[in-house]
Amino acid sequence: LKTEEGIVGRTYLEPYIVKSMDYLVPALRDMGAMLKGRK
């Protein structure tokens, strides 16, 4: 997670099933775009 101020936060998810990442990764990217610019 990158901030405008240059600080980066890191974490991970463990979704159990490999194929589930096909759905979760796009959802996370969509959420990232939705939250851009928020405090």
Full PDB file with SEQRES, HELIX, SHEET, SSBOND, CRYST1, ORIGX, SCALE, CONECT and MASTER records, all heavy atoms in Angstrom:
SEQRES   1 A   39  LEU LYS THR GLU GLU GLY ILE VAL GLY ARG THR TYR LEU          
SEQRES   2 A   39  GLU PRO TYR ILE VAL LYS SER MET ASP TYR LEU VAL PRO          
SEQRES   3 A   39  ALA LEU ARG ASP MET GLY ALA MET LEU LYS GLY ARG LYS          
HELIX    1 AA1 VAL A   18  SER A   20  5                                   3    
HELIX    2 AA2 MET A   21  LEU A   35  1                                  15    
CRYST1    1.000    1.000    1.000  90.00  90.00  90.00 P 1           1          
ORIGX1      1.000000  0.000000  0.000000        0.00000                         
ORIGX2      0.000000  1.000000  0.000000        0.00000                         
ORIGX3      0.000000  0.000000  1.000000        0.00000                         
SCALE1      1.000000  0.000000  0.000000        0.00000                         
SCALE2      0.000000  1.000000  0.000000        0.00000                         
SCALE3      0.000000  0.000000  1.000000        0.00000                         
ATOM      1  N   LEU A   1       0.858  -1.181   0.000  1.00  0.00           N  
ATOM      2  CA  LEU A   1       0.000   0.000   0.000  1.00  0.00           C  
ATOM      3  C   LEU A   1       0.899   1.237   0.000  1.00  0.00           C  
ATOM      4  O   LEU A   1       1.659   1.455   0.937  1.00  0.00           O  
ATOM      5  CB  LEU A   1      -0.907  -0.009   1.228  1.00  0.00           C  
ATOM      6  CG  LEU A   1      -2.011   1.047   1.293  1.00  0.00           C  
ATOM      7  CD1 LEU A   1      -3.143   0.566   2.204  1.00  0.00           C  
ATOM      8  CD2 LEU A   1      -1.500   2.386   1.801  1.00  0.00           C  
ATOM      9  N   LYS A   2       0.798   2.023  -1.067  1.00  0.00           N  
ATOM     10  CA  LYS A   2       1.667   3.186  -1.229  1.00  0.00           C  
ATOM     11  C   LYS A   2       0.898   4.461  -0.890  1.00  0.00           C  
ATOM     12  O   LYS A   2      -0.280   4.606  -1.225  1.00  0.00           O  
ATOM     13  CB  LYS A   2       2.188   3.254  -2.669  1.00  0.00           C  
ATOM     14  CG  LYS A   2       3.038   2.046  -3.039  1.00  0.00           C  
ATOM     15  CD  LYS A   2       3.565   2.137  -4.455  1.00  0.00           C  
ATOM     16  CE  LYS A   2       4.458   0.936  -4.776  1.00  0.00           C  
ATOM     17  NZ  LYS A   2       4.988   1.007  -6.158  1.00  0.00           N  
ATOM     18  N   THR A   3       1.582   5.392  -0.234  1.00  0.00           N  
ATOM     19  CA  THR A   3       0.981   6.671   0.110  1.00  0.00           C  
ATOM     20  C   THR A   3       1.616   7.789  -0.711  1.00  0.00           C  
ATOM     21  O   THR A   3       2.728   7.652  -1.230  1.00  0.00           O  
ATOM     22  CB  THR A   3       1.169   6.987   1.606  1.00  0.00           C  
ATOM     23  OG1 THR A   3       2.568   7.193   1.871  1.00  0.00           O  
ATOM     24  CG2 THR A   3       0.659   5.837   2.467  1.00  0.00           C  
ATOM     25  N   GLU A   4       0.883   8.895  -0.814  1.00  0.00           N  
ATOM     26  CA  GLU A   4       1.409  10.067  -1.516  1.00  0.00           C  
ATOM     27  C   GLU A   4       2.668  10.591  -0.843  1.00  0.00           C  
ATOM     28  O   GLU A   4       3.530  11.208  -1.484  1.00  0.00           O  
ATOM     29  CB  GLU A   4       0.346  11.181  -1.543  1.00  0.00           C  
ATOM     30  CG  GLU A   4      -0.945  10.831  -2.268  1.00  0.00           C  
ATOM     31  CD  GLU A   4      -0.798  10.861  -3.777  1.00  0.00           C  
ATOM     32  OE1 GLU A   4       0.316  11.170  -4.250  1.00  0.00           O  
ATOM     33  OE2 GLU A   4      -1.790  10.579  -4.475  1.00  0.00           O  
ATOM     34  N   GLU A   5       2.798  10.323   0.463  1.00  0.00           N  
ATOM     35  CA  GLU A   5       3.933  10.844   1.224  1.00  0.00           C  
ATOM     36  C   GLU A   5       5.157   9.938   1.151  1.00  0.00           C  
ATOM     37  O   GLU A   5       6.176  10.220   1.778  1.00  0.00           O  
ATOM     38  CB  GLU A   5       3.521  11.042   2.692  1.00  0.00           C  
ATOM     39  CG  GLU A   5       2.471  12.127   2.906  1.00  0.00           C  
ATOM     40  CD  GLU A   5       1.066  11.718   2.467  1.00  0.00           C  
ATOM     41  OE1 GLU A   5       0.805  10.503   2.353  1.00  0.00           O  
ATOM     42  OE2 GLU A   5       0.234  12.613   2.252  1.00  0.00           O  
ATOM     43  N   GLY A   6       5.063   8.822   0.410  1.00  0.00           N  
ATOM     44  CA  GLY A   6       6.215   7.957   0.204  1.00  0.00           C  
ATOM     45  C   GLY A   6       6.342   6.794   1.159  1.00  0.00           C  
ATOM     46  O   GLY A   6       7.229   5.953   0.994  1.00  0.00           O  
ATOM     47  N   ILE A   7       5.481   6.697   2.163  1.00  0.00           N  
ATOM     48  CA  ILE A   7       5.518   5.576   3.099  1.00  0.00           C  
ATOM     49  C   ILE A   7       4.754   4.404   2.502  1.00  0.00           C  
ATOM     50  O   ILE A   7       3.674   4.572   1.934  1.00  0.00           O  
ATOM     51  CB  ILE A   7       4.933   5.987   4.460  1.00  0.00           C  
ATOM     52  CG1 ILE A   7       5.846   7.011   5.123  1.00  0.00           C  
ATOM     53  CG2 ILE A   7       4.727   4.773   5.367  1.00  0.00           C  
ATOM     54  CD1 ILE A   7       5.325   7.548   6.424  1.00  0.00           C  
ATOM     55  N   VAL A   8       5.317   3.201   2.624  1.00  0.00           N  
ATOM     56  CA  VAL A   8       4.712   1.993   2.070  1.00  0.00           C  
ATOM     57  C   VAL A   8       4.371   1.038   3.210  1.00  0.00           C  
ATOM     58  O   VAL A   8       5.212   0.750   4.060  1.00  0.00           O  
ATOM     59  CB  VAL A   8       5.659   1.296   1.071  1.00  0.00           C  
ATOM     60  CG1 VAL A   8       5.013   0.026   0.518  1.00  0.00           C  
ATOM     61  CG2 VAL A   8       6.025   2.246  -0.065  1.00  0.00           C  
ATOM     62  N   GLY A   9       3.138   0.551   3.213  1.00  0.00           N  
ATOM     63  CA  GLY A   9       2.733  -0.478   4.163  1.00  0.00           C  
ATOM     64  C   GLY A   9       2.598  -1.808   3.437  1.00  0.00           C  
ATOM     65  O   GLY A   9       2.163  -1.846   2.285  1.00  0.00           O  
ATOM     66  N   ARG A  10       2.991  -2.891   4.095  1.00  0.00           N  
ATOM     67  CA  ARG A  10       2.967  -4.204   3.448  1.00  0.00           C  
ATOM     68  C   ARG A  10       2.201  -5.215   4.286  1.00  0.00           C  
ATOM     69  O   ARG A  10       2.302  -5.236   5.512  1.00  0.00           O  
ATOM     70  CB  ARG A  10       4.394  -4.708   3.203  1.00  0.00           C  
ATOM     71  CG  ARG A  10       5.187  -3.842   2.250  1.00  0.00           C  
ATOM     72  CD  ARG A  10       6.575  -4.417   1.969  1.00  0.00           C  
ATOM     73  NE  ARG A  10       7.292  -3.575   1.034  1.00  0.00           N  
ATOM     74  CZ  ARG A  10       8.055  -2.546   1.384  1.00  0.00           C  
ATOM     75  NH1 ARG A  10       8.199  -2.246   2.672  1.00  0.00           N  
ATOM     76  NH2 ARG A  10       8.669  -1.816   0.476  1.00  0.00           N  
ATOM     77  N   THR A  11       1.455  -6.056   3.602  1.00  0.00           N  
ATOM     78  CA  THR A  11       0.772  -7.163   4.252  1.00  0.00           C  
ATOM     79  C   THR A  11       0.534  -8.250   3.216  1.00  0.00           C  
ATOM     80  O   THR A  11       0.937  -8.114   2.053  1.00  0.00           O  
ATOM     81  CB  THR A  11      -0.552  -6.709   4.892  1.00  0.00           C  
ATOM     82  OG1 THR A  11      -1.068  -7.772   5.710  1.00  0.00           O  
ATOM     83  CG2 THR A  11      -1.585  -6.335   3.843  1.00  0.00           C  
ATOM     84  N   TYR A  12      -0.098  -9.342   3.616  1.00  0.00           N  
ATOM     85  CA  TYR A  12      -0.412 -10.412   2.670  1.00  0.00           C  
ATOM     86  C   TYR A  12      -1.705 -11.081   3.077  1.00  0.00           C  
ATOM     87  O   TYR A  12      -2.156 -10.984   4.215  1.00  0.00           O  
ATOM     88  CB  TYR A  12       0.727 -11.440   2.599  1.00  0.00           C  
ATOM     89  CG  TYR A  12       1.022 -12.172   3.895  1.00  0.00           C  
ATOM     90  CD1 TYR A  12       0.325 -13.324   4.242  1.00  0.00           C  
ATOM     91  CD2 TYR A  12       2.015 -11.719   4.770  1.00  0.00           C  
ATOM     92  CE1 TYR A  12       0.593 -13.996   5.427  1.00  0.00           C  
ATOM     93  CE2 TYR A  12       2.291 -12.382   5.947  1.00  0.00           C  
ATOM     94  CZ  TYR A  12       1.584 -13.514   6.275  1.00  0.00           C  
ATOM     95  OH  TYR A  12       1.841 -14.177   7.455  1.00  0.00           O  
ATOM     96  N   LEU A  13      -2.326 -11.748   2.108  1.00  0.00           N  
ATOM     97  CA  LEU A  13      -3.498 -12.585   2.335  1.00  0.00           C  
ATOM     98  C   LEU A  13      -3.154 -14.019   1.990  1.00  0.00           C  
ATOM     99  O   LEU A  13      -2.311 -14.280   1.126  1.00  0.00           O  
ATOM    100  CB  LEU A  13      -4.676 -12.122   1.474  1.00  0.00           C  
ATOM    101  CG  LEU A  13      -5.246 -10.734   1.747  1.00  0.00           C  
ATOM    102  CD1 LEU A  13      -6.344 -10.414   0.742  1.00  0.00           C  
ATOM    103  CD2 LEU A  13      -5.793 -10.641   3.163  1.00  0.00           C  
ATOM    104  N   GLU A  14      -3.822 -14.959   2.653  1.00  0.00           N  
ATOM    105  CA  GLU A  14      -3.644 -16.385   2.384  1.00  0.00           C  
ATOM    106  C   GLU A  14      -5.020 -16.977   2.078  1.00  0.00           C  
ATOM    107  O   GLU A  14      -5.712 -17.463   2.970  1.00  0.00           O  
ATOM    108  CB  GLU A  14      -3.014 -17.076   3.594  1.00  0.00           C  
ATOM    109  CG  GLU A  14      -1.635 -16.529   3.939  1.00  0.00           C  
ATOM    110  CD  GLU A  14      -1.077 -17.101   5.227  1.00  0.00           C  
ATOM    111  OE1 GLU A  14      -1.654 -16.827   6.305  1.00  0.00           O  
ATOM    112  OE2 GLU A  14      -0.076 -17.824   5.169  1.00  0.00           O  
ATOM    113  N   PRO A  15      -5.453 -16.969   0.817  1.00  0.00           N  
ATOM    114  CA  PRO A  15      -6.837 -17.341   0.492  1.00  0.00           C  
ATOM    115  C   PRO A  15      -7.069 -18.837   0.285  1.00  0.00           C  
ATOM    116  O   PRO A  15      -8.082 -19.217  -0.312  1.00  0.00           O  
ATOM    117  CB  PRO A  15      -7.097 -16.562  -0.795  1.00  0.00           C  
ATOM    118  CG  PRO A  15      -5.765 -16.484  -1.453  1.00  0.00           C  
ATOM    119  CD  PRO A  15      -4.757 -16.373  -0.340  1.00  0.00           C  
ATOM    120  N   TYR A  16      -6.161 -19.684   0.752  1.00  0.00           N  
ATOM    121  CA  TYR A  16      -6.346 -21.140   0.776  1.00  0.00           C  
ATOM    122  C   TYR A  16      -6.292 -21.813  -0.597  1.00  0.00           C  
ATOM    123  O   TYR A  16      -5.616 -22.829  -0.767  1.00  0.00           O  
ATOM    124  CB  TYR A  16      -7.669 -21.535   1.453  1.00  0.00           C  
ATOM    125  CG  TYR A  16      -7.801 -21.065   2.866  1.00  0.00           C  
ATOM    126  CD1 TYR A  16      -8.490 -19.894   3.163  1.00  0.00           C  
ATOM    127  CD2 TYR A  16      -7.233 -21.773   3.919  1.00  0.00           C  
ATOM    128  CE1 TYR A  16      -8.607 -19.444   4.470  1.00  0.00           C  
ATOM    129  CE2 TYR A  16      -7.347 -21.333   5.230  1.00  0.00           C  
ATOM    130  CZ  TYR A  16      -8.036 -20.178   5.493  1.00  0.00           C  
ATOM    131  OH  TYR A  16      -8.152 -19.731   6.770  1.00  0.00           O  
ATOM    132  N   ILE A  17      -7.044 -21.312  -1.553  1.00  0.00           N  
ATOM    133  CA  ILE A  17      -7.183 -21.956  -2.858  1.00  0.00           C  
ATOM    134  C   ILE A  17      -6.496 -21.096  -3.912  1.00  0.00           C  
ATOM    135  O   ILE A  17      -6.775 -19.900  -4.031  1.00  0.00           O  
ATOM    136  CB  ILE A  17      -8.665 -22.150  -3.223  1.00  0.00           C  
ATOM    137  CG1 ILE A  17      -9.352 -23.037  -2.169  1.00  0.00           C  
ATOM    138  CG2 ILE A  17      -8.819 -22.767  -4.613  1.00  0.00           C  
ATOM    139  CD1 ILE A  17     -10.859 -23.068  -2.300  1.00  0.00           C  
ATOM    140  N   VAL A  18      -5.610 -21.706  -4.702  1.00  0.00           N  
ATOM    141  CA  VAL A  18      -4.831 -20.955  -5.683  1.00  0.00           C  
ATOM    142  C   VAL A  18      -5.729 -20.204  -6.651  1.00  0.00           C  
ATOM    143  O   VAL A  18      -5.537 -19.006  -6.913  1.00  0.00           O  
ATOM    144  CB  VAL A  18      -3.870 -21.900  -6.436  1.00  0.00           C  
ATOM    145  CG1 VAL A  18      -3.205 -21.173  -7.606  1.00  0.00           C  
ATOM    146  CG2 VAL A  18      -2.806 -22.455  -5.476  1.00  0.00           C  
ATOM    147  N   LYS A  19      -6.740 -20.867  -7.177  1.00  0.00           N  
ATOM    148  CA  LYS A  19      -7.588 -20.243  -8.201  1.00  0.00           C  
ATOM    149  C   LYS A  19      -8.380 -19.056  -7.655  1.00  0.00           C  
ATOM    150  O   LYS A  19      -8.815 -18.194  -8.410  1.00  0.00           O  
ATOM    151  CB  LYS A  19      -8.550 -21.264  -8.801  1.00  0.00           C  
ATOM    152  CG  LYS A  19      -7.874 -22.328  -9.660  1.00  0.00           C  
ATOM    153  CD  LYS A  19      -7.234 -21.730 -10.915  1.00  0.00           C  
ATOM    154  CE  LYS A  19      -8.256 -21.253 -11.907  1.00  0.00           C  
ATOM    155  NZ  LYS A  19      -7.642 -20.711 -13.135  1.00  0.00           N  
ATOM    156  N   SER A  20      -8.584 -19.013  -6.336  1.00  0.00           N  
ATOM    157  CA  SER A  20      -9.332 -17.891  -5.775  1.00  0.00           C  
ATOM    158  C   SER A  20      -8.615 -16.569  -5.994  1.00  0.00           C  
ATOM    159  O   SER A  20      -9.241 -15.502  -5.990  1.00  0.00           O  
ATOM    160  CB  SER A  20      -9.581 -18.104  -4.278  1.00  0.00           C  
ATOM    161  OG  SER A  20      -8.371 -18.022  -3.544  1.00  0.00           O  
ATOM    162  N   MET A  21      -7.313 -16.621  -6.222  1.00  0.00           N  
ATOM    163  CA  MET A  21      -6.568 -15.386  -6.460  1.00  0.00           C  
ATOM    164  C   MET A  21      -6.955 -14.740  -7.785  1.00  0.00           C  
ATOM    165  O   MET A  21      -6.779 -13.533  -7.970  1.00  0.00           O  
ATOM    166  CB  MET A  21      -5.062 -15.651  -6.400  1.00  0.00           C  
ATOM    167  CG  MET A  21      -4.594 -16.140  -5.036  1.00  0.00           C  
ATOM    168  SD  MET A  21      -2.811 -16.093  -4.761  1.00  0.00           S  
ATOM    169  CE  MET A  21      -2.244 -17.340  -5.921  1.00  0.00           C  
ATOM    170  N   ASP A  22      -7.498 -15.552  -8.716  1.00  0.00           N  
ATOM    171  CA  ASP A  22      -7.967 -14.985  -9.989  1.00  0.00           C  
ATOM    172  C   ASP A  22      -9.083 -13.968  -9.776  1.00  0.00           C  
ATOM    173  O   ASP A  22      -9.283 -13.064 -10.599  1.00  0.00           O  
ATOM    174  CB  ASP A  22      -8.470 -16.102 -10.908  1.00  0.00           C  
ATOM    175  CG  ASP A  22      -7.347 -17.021 -11.367  1.00  0.00           C  
ATOM    176  OD1 ASP A  22      -6.170 -16.614 -11.282  1.00  0.00           O  
ATOM    177  OD2 ASP A  22      -7.645 -18.139 -11.803  1.00  0.00           O  
ATOM    178  N   TYR A  23      -9.839 -14.114  -8.686  1.00  0.00           N  
ATOM    179  CA  TYR A  23     -10.942 -13.205  -8.401  1.00  0.00           C  
ATOM    180  C   TYR A  23     -10.546 -12.126  -7.397  1.00  0.00           C  
ATOM    181  O   TYR A  23     -11.002 -10.982  -7.496  1.00  0.00           O  
ATOM    182  CB  TYR A  23     -12.136 -13.995  -7.843  1.00  0.00           C  
ATOM    183  CG  TYR A  23     -12.462 -15.224  -8.634  1.00  0.00           C  
ATOM    184  CD1 TYR A  23     -12.092 -16.483  -8.171  1.00  0.00           C  
ATOM    185  CD2 TYR A  23     -13.104 -15.143  -9.864  1.00  0.00           C  
ATOM    186  CE1 TYR A  23     -12.368 -17.619  -8.908  1.00  0.00           C  
ATOM    187  CE2 TYR A  23     -13.386 -16.284 -10.604  1.00  0.00           C  
ATOM    188  CZ  TYR A  23     -13.015 -17.528 -10.125  1.00  0.00           C  
ATOM    189  OH  TYR A  23     -13.280 -18.648 -10.854  1.00  0.00           O  
ATOM    190  N   LEU A  24      -9.694 -12.494  -6.434  1.00  0.00           N  
ATOM    191  CA  LEU A  24      -9.348 -11.555  -5.371  1.00  0.00           C  
ATOM    192  C   LEU A  24      -8.379 -10.478  -5.830  1.00  0.00           C  
ATOM    193  O   LEU A  24      -8.489  -9.320  -5.419  1.00  0.00           O  
ATOM    194  CB  LEU A  24      -8.755 -12.322  -4.185  1.00  0.00           C  
ATOM    195  CG  LEU A  24      -9.737 -13.223  -3.435  1.00  0.00           C  
ATOM    196  CD1 LEU A  24      -9.001 -14.066  -2.403  1.00  0.00           C  
ATOM    197  CD2 LEU A  24     -10.813 -12.388  -2.756  1.00  0.00           C  
ATOM    198  N   VAL A  25      -7.408 -10.847  -6.665  1.00  0.00           N  
ATOM    199  CA  VAL A  25      -6.418  -9.862  -7.109  1.00  0.00           C  
ATOM    200  C   VAL A  25      -7.079  -8.710  -7.862  1.00  0.00           C  
ATOM    201  O   VAL A  25      -6.834  -7.533  -7.556  1.00  0.00           O  
ATOM    202  CB  VAL A  25      -5.309 -10.536  -7.934  1.00  0.00           C  
ATOM    203  CG1 VAL A  25      -4.451  -9.499  -8.654  1.00  0.00           C  
ATOM    204  CG2 VAL A  25      -4.426 -11.394  -7.029  1.00  0.00           C  
ATOM    205  N   PRO A  26      -7.957  -8.972  -8.861  1.00  0.00           N  
ATOM    206  CA  PRO A  26      -8.639  -7.845  -9.511  1.00  0.00           C  
ATOM    207  C   PRO A  26      -9.491  -7.021  -8.542  1.00  0.00           C  
ATOM    208  O   PRO A  26      -9.573  -5.791  -8.674  1.00  0.00           O  
ATOM    209  CB  PRO A  26      -9.514  -8.526 -10.571  1.00  0.00           C  
ATOM    210  CG  PRO A  26      -8.848  -9.828 -10.843  1.00  0.00           C  
ATOM    211  CD  PRO A  26      -8.276 -10.247  -9.524  1.00  0.00           C  
ATOM    212  N   ALA A  27     -10.130  -7.687  -7.584  1.00  0.00           N  
ATOM    213  CA  ALA A  27     -10.953  -6.950  -6.617  1.00  0.00           C  
ATOM    214  C   ALA A  27     -10.099  -6.013  -5.777  1.00  0.00           C  
ATOM    215  O   ALA A  27     -10.489  -4.864  -5.500  1.00  0.00           O  
ATOM    216  CB  ALA A  27     -11.699  -7.935  -5.713  1.00  0.00           C  
ATOM    217  N   LEU A  28      -8.922  -6.481  -5.372  1.00  0.00           N  
ATOM    218  CA  LEU A  28      -8.029  -5.631  -4.586  1.00  0.00           C  
ATOM    219  C   LEU A  28      -7.539  -4.443  -5.402  1.00  0.00           C  
ATOM    220  O   LEU A  28      -7.443  -3.318  -4.898  1.00  0.00           O  
ATOM    221  CB  LEU A  28      -6.836  -6.456  -4.088  1.00  0.00           C  
ATOM    222  CG  LEU A  28      -7.138  -7.420  -2.944  1.00  0.00           C  
ATOM    223  CD1 LEU A  28      -6.024  -8.441  -2.790  1.00  0.00           C  
ATOM    224  CD2 LEU A  28      -7.324  -6.650  -1.640  1.00  0.00           C  
ATOM    225  N   ARG A  29      -7.252  -4.689  -6.679  1.00  0.00           N  
ATOM    226  CA  ARG A  29      -6.805  -3.585  -7.531  1.00  0.00           C  
ATOM    227  C   ARG A  29      -7.930  -2.575  -7.741  1.00  0.00           C  
ATOM    228  O   ARG A  29      -7.695  -1.362  -7.749  1.00  0.00           O  
ATOM    229  CB  ARG A  29      -6.313  -4.144  -8.866  1.00  0.00           C  
ATOM    230  CG  ARG A  29      -4.978  -4.892  -8.719  1.00  0.00           C  
ATOM    231  CD  ARG A  29      -4.551  -5.563  -9.995  1.00  0.00           C  
ATOM    232  NE  ARG A  29      -3.248  -6.203  -9.834  1.00  0.00           N  
ATOM    233  CZ  ARG A  29      -2.834  -7.264 -10.517  1.00  0.00           C  
ATOM    234  NH1 ARG A  29      -3.617  -7.808 -11.429  1.00  0.00           N  
ATOM    235  NH2 ARG A  29      -1.637  -7.772 -10.292  1.00  0.00           N  
ATOM    236  N   ASP A  30      -9.158  -3.057  -7.887  1.00  0.00           N  
ATOM    237  CA  ASP A  30     -10.299  -2.153  -8.021  1.00  0.00           C  
ATOM    238  C   ASP A  30     -10.481  -1.313  -6.758  1.00  0.00           C  
ATOM    239  O   ASP A  30     -10.768  -0.108  -6.833  1.00  0.00           O  
ATOM    240  CB  ASP A  30     -11.577  -2.943  -8.298  1.00  0.00           C  
ATOM    241  CG  ASP A  30     -11.631  -3.481  -9.723  1.00  0.00           C  
ATOM    242  OD1 ASP A  30     -10.808  -3.037 -10.552  1.00  0.00           O  
ATOM    243  OD2 ASP A  30     -12.476  -4.342  -9.991  1.00  0.00           O  
ATOM    244  N   MET A  31     -10.335  -1.951  -5.589  1.00  0.00           N  
ATOM    245  CA  MET A  31     -10.462  -1.200  -4.342  1.00  0.00           C  
ATOM    246  C   MET A  31      -9.369  -0.150  -4.223  1.00  0.00           C  
ATOM    247  O   MET A  31      -9.600   0.964  -3.737  1.00  0.00           O  
ATOM    248  CB  MET A  31     -10.415  -2.153  -3.143  1.00  0.00           C  
ATOM    249  CG  MET A  31     -11.700  -2.898  -2.898  1.00  0.00           C  
ATOM    250  SD  MET A  31     -11.670  -3.782  -1.335  1.00  0.00           S  
ATOM    251  CE  MET A  31     -13.315  -4.515  -1.367  1.00  0.00           C  
ATOM    252  N   GLY A  32      -8.154  -0.513  -4.668  1.00  0.00           N  
ATOM    253  CA  GLY A  32      -7.061   0.449  -4.640  1.00  0.00           C  
ATOM    254  C   GLY A  32      -7.372   1.679  -5.469  1.00  0.00           C  
ATOM    255  O   GLY A  32      -7.119   2.815  -5.053  1.00  0.00           O  
ATOM    256  N   ALA A  33      -7.943   1.454  -6.647  1.00  0.00           N  
ATOM    257  CA  ALA A  33      -8.316   2.588  -7.508  1.00  0.00           C  
ATOM    258  C   ALA A  33      -9.419   3.420  -6.867  1.00  0.00           C  
ATOM    259  O   ALA A  33      -9.416   4.657  -6.951  1.00  0.00           O  
ATOM    260  CB  ALA A  33      -8.756   2.067  -8.868  1.00  0.00           C  
ATOM    261  N   MET A  34     -10.365   2.754  -6.195  1.00  0.00           N  
ATOM    262  CA  MET A  34     -11.469   3.453  -5.552  1.00  0.00           C  
ATOM    263  C   MET A  34     -10.996   4.338  -4.405  1.00  0.00           C  
ATOM    264  O   MET A  34     -11.560   5.413  -4.150  1.00  0.00           O  
ATOM    265  CB  MET A  34     -12.475   2.429  -5.033  1.00  0.00           C  
ATOM    266  CG  MET A  34     -13.646   3.010  -4.269  1.00  0.00           C  
ATOM    267  SD  MET A  34     -14.707   1.707  -3.580  1.00  0.00           S  
ATOM    268  CE  MET A  34     -13.611   0.976  -2.369  1.00  0.00           C  
ATOM    269  N   LEU A  35      -9.948   3.900  -3.690  1.00  0.00           N  
ATOM    270  CA  LEU A  35      -9.499   4.610  -2.487  1.00  0.00           C  
ATOM    271  C   LEU A  35      -8.437   5.669  -2.776  1.00  0.00           C  
ATOM    272  O   LEU A  35      -8.027   6.384  -1.864  1.00  0.00           O  
ATOM    273  CB  LEU A  35      -8.943   3.599  -1.472  1.00  0.00           C  
ATOM    274  CG  LEU A  35      -9.964   2.602  -0.918  1.00  0.00           C  
ATOM    275  CD1 LEU A  35      -9.265   1.534  -0.093  1.00  0.00           C  
ATOM    276  CD2 LEU A  35     -11.024   3.304  -0.084  1.00  0.00           C  
ATOM    277  N   LYS A  36      -7.996   5.773  -4.014  1.00  0.00           N  
ATOM    278  CA  LYS A  36      -6.940   6.732  -4.368  1.00  0.00           C  
ATOM    279  C   LYS A  36      -7.335   8.148  -3.931  1.00  0.00           C  
ATOM    280  O   LYS A  36      -8.451   8.612  -4.187  1.00  0.00           O  
ATOM    281  CB  LYS A  36      -6.678   6.709  -5.869  1.00  0.00           C  
ATOM    282  CG  LYS A  36      -5.528   7.626  -6.304  1.00  0.00           C  
ATOM    283  CD  LYS A  36      -5.251   7.466  -7.790  1.00  0.00           C  
ATOM    284  CE  LYS A  36      -4.186   8.453  -8.258  1.00  0.00           C  
ATOM    285  NZ  LYS A  36      -2.889   8.241  -7.594  1.00  0.00           N  
ATOM    286  N   GLY A  37      -6.394   8.808  -3.265  1.00  0.00           N  
ATOM    287  CA  GLY A  37      -6.608  10.184  -2.831  1.00  0.00           C  
ATOM    288  C   GLY A  37      -7.258  10.332  -1.474  1.00  0.00           C  
ATOM    289  O   GLY A  37      -7.344  11.443  -0.942  1.00  0.00           O  
ATOM    290  N   ARG A  38      -7.717   9.238  -0.869  1.00  0.00           N  
ATOM    291  CA  ARG A  38      -8.360   9.323   0.448  1.00  0.00           C  
ATOM    292  C   ARG A  38      -7.307   9.379   1.552  1.00  0.00           C  
ATOM    293  O   ARG A  38      -6.240   8.787   1.443  1.00  0.00           O  
ATOM    294  CB  ARG A  38      -9.265   8.111   0.688  1.00  0.00           C  
ATOM    295  CG  ARG A  38     -10.535   8.116  -0.141  1.00  0.00           C  
ATOM    296  CD  ARG A  38     -11.340   6.863   0.151  1.00  0.00           C  
ATOM    297  NE  ARG A  38     -12.600   6.867  -0.562  1.00  0.00           N  
ATOM    298  CZ  ARG A  38     -13.759   7.271  -0.030  1.00  0.00           C  
ATOM    299  NH1 ARG A  38     -13.802   7.701   1.210  1.00  0.00           N  
ATOM    300  NH2 ARG A  38     -14.865   7.254  -0.729  1.00  0.00           N  
ATOM    301  N   LYS A  39      -7.644  10.053   2.630  1.00  0.00           N  
ATOM    302  CA  LYS A  39      -6.793  10.046   3.805  1.00  0.00           C  
ATOM    303  C   LYS A  39      -6.830   8.666   4.448  1.00  0.00           C  
ATOM    304  O   LYS A  39      -7.857   7.986   4.437  1.00  0.00           O  
ATOM    305  CB  LYS A  39      -7.250  11.106   4.820  1.00  0.00           C  
ATOM    306  CG  LYS A  39      -7.051  12.541   4.341  1.00  0.00           C  
ATOM    307  CD  LYS A  39      -5.562  12.836   4.116  1.00  0.00           C  
ATOM    308  CE  LYS A  39      -5.347  14.275   3.665  1.00  0.00           C  
ATOM    309  NZ  LYS A  39      -3.916  14.551   3.370  1.00  0.00           N  
TER     310      LYS A  39                                                      
MASTER        0    0    0    2    0    0    0    6  309    1    0    3          
END                                                                             
